[in-house]
Amino acid sequence: LASPELPVSRHPLGGTPGVPGVPRYGPYSVDVSPKGHLAVVADLESSDLRVFDLAKKGFRPDGDVSLGSRAFMPAFVADETVIVPLQSPDGLVRVDLATRKIEARVAYAKEECELPHAARVAKDGRVYVVCEGDHKKDGAVLEVDPRTLATKKRWVVGVYPDGIDFGD
């Protein structure tokens, strides 16, 4: 990141960031679309997604998608469609970024997925969600249907899982 070939640019998430200690935005993570033309910023404090056009080097006007819950680590399942884990309340949404519409939503009971944190798409197209759990007992990983978000399979894993990676 210190390389001169990779210049840094700053882009405000919105017009009114709040005051120190009371932010209006809380960018948590970024994911880049399969074609590489969009980046989606998951936001904690404002409970939304913000869509950044990489070619235009700016956020899409009226591109914010309100989710009603804190947005964590989304994953693109198509070039303009993301799956986003939510907390407070716990759940998962599928969002069409072109229309800014929530296409599907599921709510999780603690027994199924407490504190969903990261969504990831495997090379074979299967979609997984990492559930942190209560940070004291085992968490879980879910395989979910990419369209309906229904749980297909559930694995209990170690305490406080934070992400999933499929390697090269």
Protein backbone atom coordinates (compact mmCIF):
# COMPACT_ATOMS: atom_id res chain seq x y z
CA LEU A 1 0.00 0.00 0.00
CA ALA A 2 2.97 2.34 0.32
CA SER A 3 3.76 1.91 -3.39
CA PRO A 4 3.48 5.10 -5.51
CA GLU A 5 1.72 3.01 -8.18
CA LEU A 6 -1.19 2.67 -5.78
CA PRO A 7 -2.25 6.23 -5.00
CA VAL A 8 -4.54 6.89 -2.07
CA SER A 9 -7.79 8.75 -2.54
CA ARG A 10 -10.38 9.67 0.08
CA HIS A 11 -14.12 9.72 -0.50
CA PRO A 12 -16.57 10.77 2.22
CA LEU A 13 -19.37 8.30 2.90
CA GLY A 14 -21.83 11.14 3.24
CA GLY A 15 -22.28 14.83 3.86
CA THR A 16 -22.64 14.85 7.63
CA PRO A 17 -20.24 12.44 9.38
CA GLY A 18 -21.34 13.39 12.91
CA VAL A 19 -19.11 14.53 15.74
CA PRO A 20 -16.15 12.82 17.42
CA GLY A 21 -17.45 9.91 19.49
CA VAL A 22 -20.86 9.95 17.78
CA PRO A 23 -20.31 9.02 14.13
CA ARG A 24 -23.20 8.83 11.67
CA TYR A 25 -21.30 6.32 9.51
CA GLY A 26 -19.32 3.29 10.54
CA PRO A 27 -17.74 1.69 7.47
CA TYR A 28 -16.88 -1.88 8.42
CA SER A 29 -15.94 -3.73 5.23
CA VAL A 30 -15.73 -3.45 1.46
CA ASP A 31 -16.28 -6.03 -1.26
CA VAL A 32 -15.61 -5.56 -4.99
CA SER A 33 -17.99 -6.79 -7.70
CA PRO A 34 -16.97 -9.68 -9.98
CA LYS A 35 -16.49 -7.30 -12.94
CA GLY A 36 -14.49 -4.92 -10.76
CA HIS A 37 -16.57 -1.83 -11.47
CA LEU A 38 -18.33 -1.51 -8.10
CA ALA A 39 -17.38 -1.67 -4.46
CA VAL A 40 -19.95 -1.98 -1.73
CA VAL A 41 -19.26 -0.52 1.72
CA ALA A 42 -21.06 -2.16 4.65
CA ASP A 43 -21.87 0.37 7.35
CA LEU A 44 -22.50 -0.26 11.05
CA GLU A 45 -23.77 3.04 12.48
CA SER A 46 -26.11 3.93 9.63
CA SER A 47 -27.17 0.29 9.03
CA ASP A 48 -26.82 0.47 5.28
CA LEU A 49 -24.78 -0.30 2.19
CA ARG A 50 -23.11 2.38 0.11
CA VAL A 51 -22.22 1.70 -3.51
CA PHE A 52 -18.97 3.10 -4.90
CA ASP A 53 -18.48 3.33 -8.68
CA LEU A 54 -14.81 2.52 -9.21
CA ALA A 55 -14.67 3.92 -12.75
CA LYS A 56 -16.23 7.25 -11.74
CA LYS A 57 -14.35 7.27 -8.42
CA GLY A 58 -17.38 8.24 -6.42
CA PHE A 59 -20.37 6.93 -4.54
CA ARG A 60 -23.51 6.42 -6.61
CA PRO A 61 -25.98 9.23 -6.06
CA ASP A 62 -28.95 7.79 -4.19
CA GLY A 63 -27.04 4.49 -4.06
CA ASP A 64 -27.43 3.89 -0.32
CA VAL A 65 -29.52 0.87 0.66
CA SER A 66 -31.03 1.03 4.15
CA LEU A 67 -31.02 -2.40 5.82
CA GLY A 68 -32.47 -1.76 9.27
CA SER A 69 -29.61 -3.67 10.95
CA ARG A 70 -25.86 -3.27 11.23
CA ALA A 71 -24.23 -4.49 7.99
CA PHE A 72 -21.09 -6.61 8.28
CA MET A 73 -19.13 -8.47 5.54
CA PRO A 74 -21.14 -8.79 2.30
CA ALA A 75 -20.38 -11.01 -0.68
CA PHE A 76 -21.31 -10.48 -4.31
CA VAL A 77 -23.36 -13.37 -5.75
CA ALA A 78 -23.79 -11.56 -9.09
CA ASP A 79 -22.32 -8.36 -10.47
CA GLU A 80 -25.00 -6.12 -8.90
CA THR A 81 -26.31 -8.47 -6.20
CA VAL A 82 -24.89 -8.94 -2.70
CA ILE A 83 -25.68 -11.04 0.33
CA VAL A 84 -25.18 -9.16 3.59
CA PRO A 85 -24.97 -10.55 7.15
CA LEU A 86 -26.83 -8.37 9.65
CA GLN A 87 -26.65 -7.94 13.41
CA SER A 88 -29.11 -6.26 15.80
CA PRO A 89 -31.31 -8.03 14.81
CA ASP A 90 -29.44 -11.05 13.41
CA GLY A 91 -30.24 -12.03 9.84
CA LEU A 92 -29.22 -12.07 6.22
CA VAL A 93 -30.40 -10.08 3.18
CA ARG A 94 -29.99 -10.35 -0.57
CA VAL A 95 -29.81 -6.90 -2.19
CA ASP A 96 -30.10 -5.86 -5.83
CA LEU A 97 -27.78 -2.84 -6.01
CA ALA A 98 -29.12 -1.64 -9.37
CA THR A 99 -32.66 -1.23 -8.00
CA ARG A 100 -31.63 -0.74 -4.33
CA LYS A 101 -34.22 -3.39 -3.39
CA ILE A 102 -33.98 -6.11 -0.77
CA GLU A 103 -34.91 -9.27 -2.70
CA ALA A 104 -34.87 -11.69 0.24
CA ARG A 105 -34.49 -11.49 4.01
CA VAL A 106 -34.16 -14.11 6.75
CA ALA A 107 -34.03 -13.65 10.50
CA TYR A 108 -31.91 -15.98 12.64
CA ALA A 109 -32.65 -17.43 16.05
CA LYS A 110 -29.60 -17.68 18.32
CA GLU A 111 -29.65 -21.47 17.97
CA GLU A 112 -29.20 -21.25 14.19
CA CYS A 113 -26.84 -18.31 13.67
CA GLU A 114 -25.92 -15.91 16.45
CA LEU A 115 -24.11 -12.76 15.26
CA PRO A 116 -23.78 -13.44 11.49
CA HIS A 117 -20.52 -11.83 10.48
CA ALA A 118 -19.21 -12.79 7.04
CA ALA A 119 -20.75 -14.04 3.80
CA ARG A 120 -18.53 -15.68 1.20
CA VAL A 121 -19.04 -17.39 -2.15
CA ALA A 122 -17.00 -20.52 -2.87
CA LYS A 123 -15.48 -21.19 -6.30
CA ASP A 124 -18.30 -23.64 -7.02
CA GLY A 125 -20.91 -20.91 -6.35
CA ARG A 126 -22.07 -22.16 -2.96
CA VAL A 127 -22.71 -19.41 -0.40
CA TYR A 128 -21.58 -19.58 3.23
CA VAL A 129 -22.27 -17.40 6.27
CA VAL A 130 -20.01 -17.34 9.33
CA CYS A 131 -21.86 -16.98 12.65
CA GLU A 132 -19.67 -15.66 15.48
CA GLY A 133 -21.81 -17.04 18.29
CA ASP A 134 -21.67 -15.44 21.73
CA HIS A 135 -17.81 -15.37 21.75
CA LYS A 136 -17.76 -17.91 24.61
CA LYS A 137 -19.30 -21.01 23.02
CA ASP A 138 -18.85 -22.50 19.56
CA GLY A 139 -19.97 -20.53 16.52
CA ALA A 140 -21.29 -21.97 13.26
CA VAL A 141 -20.97 -21.85 9.48
CA LEU A 142 -24.08 -22.07 7.33
CA GLU A 143 -24.42 -22.99 3.70
CA VAL A 144 -27.33 -20.93 2.37
CA ASP A 145 -29.33 -20.92 -0.82
CA PRO A 146 -28.10 -17.87 -2.78
CA ARG A 147 -31.63 -16.97 -3.95
CA THR A 148 -33.90 -17.67 -0.98
CA LEU A 149 -31.23 -17.49 1.78
CA ALA A 150 -32.68 -20.66 3.31
CA THR A 151 -30.15 -22.66 5.34
CA LYS A 152 -29.07 -25.79 3.48
CA LYS A 153 -26.51 -27.09 5.97
CA ARG A 154 -25.01 -26.04 9.32
CA TRP A 155 -21.63 -26.85 10.87
CA VAL A 156 -20.62 -26.11 14.46
CA VAL A 157 -17.09 -24.69 14.55
CA GLY A 158 -14.78 -23.25 17.23
CA VAL A 159 -15.28 -20.27 19.50
CA TYR A 160 -15.70 -16.86 17.82
CA PRO A 161 -15.15 -17.66 14.12
CA ASP A 162 -14.49 -14.46 12.23
CA GLY A 163 -14.28 -15.36 8.54
CA ILE A 164 -13.90 -18.06 5.93
CA ASP A 165 -11.43 -18.45 3.08
CA PHE A 166 -11.33 -21.00 0.26
CA GLY A 167 -7.69 -20.49 -0.80
CA ASP A 168 -6.45 -20.11 -4.34
